[in-house]
Protein backbone atom coordinates (compact mmCIF):
# COMPACT_ATOMS: atom_id res chain seq x y z
CA UNK A 1 53.59 227.02 64.12
CA UNK A 2 54.89 223.81 62.52
CA UNK A 3 54.46 220.50 64.33
CA UNK A 4 56.71 217.54 63.73
CA UNK A 5 55.04 214.14 63.15
CA UNK A 6 54.70 212.26 66.44
CA UNK A 7 56.85 209.14 66.66
CA UNK A 8 53.82 207.30 68.02
CA UNK A 9 51.96 208.11 64.81
CA UNK A 10 54.79 206.56 62.82
CA UNK A 11 54.69 203.49 65.03
CA UNK A 12 50.93 203.12 64.59
CA UNK A 13 51.26 203.43 60.82
CA UNK A 14 53.89 200.68 60.77
CA UNK A 15 51.48 198.38 62.60
CA UNK A 16 48.65 198.75 60.10
CA UNK A 17 47.86 195.40 58.50
CA UNK A 18 49.19 194.86 55.00
CA UNK A 19 46.46 194.82 52.39
CA UNK A 20 46.50 192.62 49.31
CA UNK A 21 44.57 192.69 46.04
CA UNK A 22 41.41 190.59 46.29
CA UNK A 23 40.83 188.06 43.50
CA UNK A 24 37.62 186.07 43.11
CA UNK A 25 38.43 182.37 42.96
CA UNK A 26 37.48 180.49 39.78
CA UNK A 27 37.97 176.97 38.45
CA UNK A 28 41.25 176.73 36.55
CA UNK A 29 42.92 179.69 38.25
CA UNK A 30 46.59 178.79 38.84
CA UNK A 31 48.03 180.03 42.13
CA UNK A 32 50.75 179.17 44.64
CA UNK A 33 50.18 178.71 48.36
CA UNK A 34 52.72 181.05 49.95
CA UNK A 35 53.33 179.01 53.09
CA UNK A 36 54.01 175.66 51.42
CA UNK A 37 55.00 176.55 47.86
CA UNK A 38 52.33 174.19 46.50
CA UNK A 39 51.32 175.28 42.98
CA UNK A 40 48.12 174.16 41.30
CA UNK A 41 44.92 175.07 39.55
CA UNK A 42 41.70 175.61 41.48
CA UNK A 43 39.34 172.64 41.13
CA UNK A 44 36.76 173.45 43.83
CA UNK A 45 36.11 175.49 46.94
CA UNK A 46 33.72 175.72 49.86
CA UNK A 47 33.21 177.84 52.93
CA UNK A 48 36.26 176.32 54.66
CA UNK A 49 38.92 175.99 52.00
CA UNK A 50 40.01 176.12 48.37
CA UNK A 51 41.28 172.94 46.67
CA UNK A 52 44.30 173.05 44.36
CA UNK A 53 45.50 170.32 41.98
CA UNK A 54 49.16 170.17 40.98
CA UNK A 55 50.65 168.80 37.75
CA UNK A 56 50.81 165.32 39.29
CA UNK A 57 47.05 165.45 39.94
CA UNK A 58 47.60 165.65 43.72
CA UNK A 59 44.91 167.58 45.58
CA UNK A 60 45.47 169.78 48.63
CA UNK A 61 43.10 172.00 50.58
CA UNK A 62 44.07 175.49 51.78
CA UNK A 63 42.15 177.79 54.09
CA UNK A 64 41.12 181.29 53.06
CA UNK A 65 43.74 183.69 54.40
CA UNK A 66 44.75 187.30 53.63
CA UNK A 67 47.64 187.37 51.16
CA UNK A 68 47.87 183.61 51.35
CA UNK A 69 48.49 182.95 47.66
CA UNK A 70 50.70 184.13 44.81
CA UNK A 71 49.11 184.97 41.47
CA UNK A 72 51.64 185.62 38.72
CA UNK A 73 54.24 186.04 41.44
CA UNK A 74 52.33 188.64 43.46
CA UNK A 75 50.57 188.08 46.84
CA UNK A 76 46.79 188.14 46.65
CA UNK A 77 43.82 187.31 48.83
CA UNK A 78 41.56 184.74 47.23
CA UNK A 79 37.88 185.33 47.83
CA UNK A 80 34.80 183.22 47.29
CA UNK A 81 32.47 184.66 44.63
CA UNK A 82 29.74 186.91 45.99
CA UNK A 83 26.97 184.35 45.49
CA UNK A 84 26.65 182.29 48.66
CA UNK A 85 24.54 179.32 49.67
CA UNK A 86 21.01 180.31 50.58
CA UNK A 87 19.59 179.69 54.02
CA UNK A 88 17.84 176.57 52.71
CA UNK A 89 21.05 175.05 51.29
CA UNK A 90 23.17 172.75 53.39
CA UNK A 91 26.88 172.00 53.28
CA UNK A 92 27.83 168.31 53.28
CA UNK A 93 30.63 166.77 55.34
CA UNK A 94 32.85 166.90 52.23
CA UNK A 95 32.33 170.66 52.01
CA UNK A 96 30.03 170.60 48.97
CA UNK A 97 26.62 172.21 48.71
CA UNK A 98 24.01 169.50 49.20
CA UNK A 99 21.90 168.67 46.17
CA UNK A 100 18.18 169.41 46.06
CA UNK A 101 16.68 166.20 47.41
CA UNK A 102 13.33 166.98 45.80
CA UNK A 103 14.91 166.10 42.45
CA UNK A 104 14.85 162.40 43.37
CA UNK A 105 17.60 159.82 43.76
CA UNK A 106 20.28 159.44 41.08
CA UNK A 107 20.35 156.07 39.33
CA UNK A 108 23.57 154.21 40.13
CA UNK A 109 26.17 154.35 37.37
CA UNK A 110 28.17 151.40 36.11
CA UNK A 111 31.36 152.97 37.46
CA UNK A 112 32.49 151.99 40.95
CA UNK A 113 34.92 152.91 43.70
CA UNK A 114 36.57 150.02 45.53
CA UNK A 115 38.14 150.34 48.97
CA UNK A 116 40.01 147.71 50.95
CA UNK A 117 37.60 147.00 53.75
CA UNK A 118 34.35 147.72 55.53
CA UNK A 119 35.77 150.50 57.70
CA UNK A 120 37.20 152.26 54.63
CA UNK A 121 33.78 152.06 52.95
CA UNK A 122 31.99 153.36 56.05
CA UNK A 123 34.37 156.33 56.39
CA UNK A 124 34.04 157.28 52.72
CA UNK A 125 30.25 157.07 53.01
CA UNK A 126 30.33 159.07 56.26
CA UNK A 127 32.15 162.02 54.66
CA UNK A 128 31.35 161.83 50.94
CA UNK A 129 28.04 159.93 50.97
CA UNK A 130 25.90 162.88 49.87
CA UNK A 131 28.20 163.62 46.94
CA UNK A 132 28.34 159.97 45.90
CA UNK A 133 24.56 159.62 45.93
CA UNK A 134 24.20 162.79 43.88
CA UNK A 135 26.65 161.39 41.31
CA UNK A 136 25.20 157.88 41.38
CA UNK A 137 28.54 156.32 42.40
CA UNK A 138 28.60 153.18 44.55
CA UNK A 139 31.50 152.38 46.92
CA UNK A 140 32.23 148.69 47.50
CA UNK A 141 34.69 147.03 49.93
CA UNK A 142 37.27 144.69 48.41
CA UNK A 143 37.95 142.86 51.70
CA UNK A 144 41.60 142.68 50.72
CA UNK A 145 43.49 143.53 47.55
CA UNK A 146 45.56 140.36 47.07
CA UNK A 147 43.63 139.43 43.90
CA UNK A 148 43.31 143.00 42.61
CA UNK A 149 44.35 142.32 39.01
CA UNK A 150 41.89 139.43 38.67
CA UNK A 151 39.09 141.46 40.24
CA UNK A 152 39.72 144.37 37.88
CA UNK A 153 39.69 142.02 34.89
CA UNK A 154 36.39 140.54 36.02
CA UNK A 155 34.93 144.05 36.41
CA UNK A 156 35.67 144.70 32.71
CA UNK A 157 36.38 148.44 32.83
CA UNK A 158 36.08 150.50 29.68
CA UNK A 159 33.92 153.03 27.92
CA UNK A 160 31.51 154.51 30.43
CA UNK A 161 32.49 151.91 33.03
CA UNK A 162 35.29 153.35 35.15
CA UNK A 163 36.85 151.94 38.29
CA UNK A 164 38.58 153.79 41.10
CA UNK A 165 40.54 151.87 43.75
CA UNK A 166 41.64 153.22 47.13
CA UNK A 167 44.49 151.31 48.79
CA UNK A 168 45.87 151.59 52.31
CA UNK A 169 49.63 151.98 52.81
CA UNK A 170 50.35 152.85 49.18
CA UNK A 171 54.01 153.75 49.59
CA UNK A 172 57.15 152.75 47.69
CA UNK A 173 58.09 149.13 48.31
CA UNK A 174 54.85 148.13 50.05
CA UNK A 175 52.74 145.12 49.08
CA UNK A 176 50.00 147.51 48.02
CA UNK A 177 52.31 149.35 45.62
CA UNK A 178 53.28 146.05 44.00
CA UNK A 179 49.61 145.09 43.64
CA UNK A 180 48.80 148.47 42.11
CA UNK A 181 51.58 147.97 39.56
CA UNK A 182 49.81 144.85 38.23
CA UNK A 183 46.92 146.96 36.91
CA UNK A 184 47.33 149.16 33.85
CA UNK A 185 44.10 150.30 32.21
CA UNK A 186 42.97 153.77 31.10
CA UNK A 187 39.56 153.29 32.72
CA UNK A 188 41.09 152.37 36.10
CA UNK A 189 42.64 154.78 38.59
CA UNK A 190 44.38 153.51 41.72
CA UNK A 191 45.15 155.97 44.49
CA UNK A 192 46.01 155.48 48.12
CA UNK A 193 47.30 156.97 51.31
CA UNK A 194 50.47 156.26 53.31
CA UNK A 195 48.72 155.05 56.47
CA UNK A 196 48.86 151.39 57.43
CA UNK A 197 45.13 151.50 58.14
CA UNK A 198 42.33 153.91 57.33
CA UNK A 199 41.84 154.53 61.07
CA UNK A 200 45.16 156.38 61.03
CA UNK A 201 43.84 158.61 58.22
CA UNK A 202 41.62 160.25 60.84
CA UNK A 203 43.33 163.11 62.62
CA UNK A 204 43.98 162.07 66.23
CA UNK A 205 42.84 165.46 67.45
CA UNK A 206 39.22 164.31 67.02
CA UNK A 207 39.65 162.28 70.21
CA UNK A 208 42.00 164.73 71.90
CA UNK A 209 45.37 163.21 70.93
CA UNK A 210 48.40 164.91 69.40
CA UNK A 211 49.43 161.72 67.59
CA UNK A 212 48.41 158.09 67.32
CA UNK A 213 50.45 155.76 69.55
CA UNK A 214 53.34 153.79 68.07
CA UNK A 215 52.49 150.15 67.46
CA UNK A 216 55.34 147.60 67.30
CA UNK A 217 55.89 145.92 63.94
CA UNK A 218 54.22 142.56 63.63
CA UNK A 219 51.28 143.53 65.82
CA UNK A 220 47.90 144.34 64.21
CA UNK A 221 47.76 148.15 64.16
CA UNK A 222 44.15 148.53 65.29
CA UNK A 223 44.45 146.18 68.24
CA UNK A 224 47.84 147.61 69.20
CA UNK A 225 46.56 151.16 69.07
CA UNK A 226 43.56 150.35 71.27
CA UNK A 227 45.82 148.54 73.75
CA UNK A 228 48.14 151.55 73.91
CA UNK A 229 45.18 153.83 74.58
CA UNK A 230 43.75 151.46 77.17
CA UNK A 231 40.39 151.16 75.42
CA UNK A 232 38.55 148.01 74.31
CA UNK A 233 38.88 147.18 70.62
CA UNK A 234 35.23 146.19 70.33
CA UNK A 235 33.07 149.22 69.67
CA UNK A 236 35.97 151.66 69.28
CA UNK A 237 35.61 152.11 65.52
CA UNK A 238 32.02 153.45 65.51
CA UNK A 239 32.93 155.97 68.21
CA UNK A 240 36.02 157.09 66.29
CA UNK A 241 34.17 157.34 62.97
CA UNK A 242 31.36 159.37 64.49
CA UNK A 243 33.83 161.96 65.78
CA UNK A 244 34.58 162.83 62.14
CA UNK A 245 32.33 165.77 61.25
CA UNK A 246 33.89 167.00 57.97
CA UNK A 247 36.76 166.19 55.63
CA UNK A 248 38.86 168.61 57.73
CA UNK A 249 38.97 165.88 60.41
CA UNK A 250 40.86 163.61 57.98
CA UNK A 251 44.50 163.73 56.94
CA UNK A 252 44.97 165.55 53.60
CA UNK A 253 46.61 162.52 51.99
CA UNK A 254 43.41 160.52 52.50
CA UNK A 255 41.14 163.37 51.40
CA UNK A 256 43.12 163.95 48.22
CA UNK A 257 43.15 160.25 47.31
CA UNK A 258 39.38 159.88 47.70
CA UNK A 259 38.54 163.08 45.84
CA UNK A 260 40.75 162.12 42.90
CA UNK A 261 38.79 158.86 42.61
CA UNK A 262 35.44 160.62 42.79
CA UNK A 263 36.47 163.08 40.08
CA UNK A 264 37.77 160.23 37.91
CA UNK A 265 34.69 157.99 38.04
CA UNK A 266 32.29 160.93 37.79
CA UNK A 267 33.73 161.86 34.37
CA UNK A 268 32.49 158.62 32.77
């Protein structure tokens, strides 16, 4: 007796998950994120995400997902190499494997990273501090960038002395973009993020918000934001900063800008 295939069997087969070739990730591998179309080479990865760099040197982080990338035009699943961190290794807030502290502290290099203010410096230290200490890179607050060109000249970049500068609100037509344009030196890299203040570079979800409140033009953003939330300005920053656990709690524009600077000064 011959039995026809049950329609339910056909339905079940159609519901089986699609499988994709698995490719071990490696530095320099060029892939495309299928959801966004972002194309770049792999520069690093950790247990949470893989970081791609496009031809404009912009960095973006993408989570590990089945069939999430295109390799030579075909969907693949990127996989971390088999070797994993041992039980004694720790992952830093930036997603890197923490260095062996028994090796001793790294001597500070001549290269520096400058940020606009104390809060910027504290946030960079909070997330990337372990990496910076391992590399021997010091982060210093500028306390304003109005005299950026003069400060860079006084720093005397060159040779093994590189300078990275992180600016707030680095968008077309802003004061910061005009200040950045006054500096042109191969040993200096200026990056920035589009937010009017580094506070806004923290994802609002860390304190349970969908978005930061709108602040009228002409009013200081920090004070206006606290007023809109109904919280006192004094003491708010430490509480906000301490809600940041990893780089994933920051907006990608801020993460990419900082990591480009770290890579740049570390090469000296």
